[in-house]
Amino acid sequence: MVFLAGLGMASRASADHDGEYVILLHGLLRSPDTMKPMEKALQAAGYQTMILDYPSRSMTIRKLSDAHLAPAVQLCRDGGAKKIHFVTHSMGGLLVRDYLSRKHVPELGRVVMLAPPNQGSEVVDRLGHWRAFKALNGPAGRELGTKMTCAPKLLGPVSYPVGVIAGDRSINWINSGMIDGPDDGKVSVENTKLMGMTDHIVLHRTHPMIMKRRDAIDLALRFLDTGSFASG
């Protein structure tokens, strides 16, 4: 069964992206509401949108992808999608990577990942074995370490257009003390990178809020439109 926060219609004032759908995925322990500002901007630009409300703590990344993302893609197809794009926050990017590593999507457009743990997080390496961490973050959260046996590394490189927006501002000094290099309080800038990605950019934003910030939203729109974060 797929849980959706609703299918949002594009603004009638813009037909530039007729037939283009964007599926938005929130991160671990987050809600669909965190993606609402992004959705509003996408609709104003002419995209039809769908926020996937999935139970991030309930099962592994693979099972979440099969049980929730796959039906969402099919729903876009049923709606006549000519292109299907994805905009993700944090662990949502791993669900998309997992799905696209196993499924051919002829309608695939572009993918924007905000603060994704594409190479895992040292925080999970340090705390993942704690009982409280397991109870809070569930099976998928425990998969987000940096070891070669963890999901981020097992998924491998990408062969489709991906733009990554990383943050380098932290308000969680405890987590940041476990992370090498600049970070957003959850994942290092370096570990947001992904082999095969099309573009990468760093904003002075925190992990919990980056998806709501106007500069991140504008960059996401630019990448979906042009395949690059560069202006002009």
Foldseek 3Di string as FASTA:
>chain_A
DFDWPDKAFADPVEQPQPLEEEEEEEAFPDALVLQVLLCVVCSPNGHIYIYTGFNQAEDALLVRLVPYVVVVLVVSVVVRHQAYEYEYAECRVLSVLNNVLPDDDPRYAAYEYEAYQLQAALLLVVPVVPPVNCVRGHDHSNLRHRDCPGSSNVSAADQHEYEYEFEQADPQVVRVVRAPAGHQSTHHLVSSDGPNYQYYYYDNHHRVRLSNDPLSSVQVVVCSVPVYSDDD
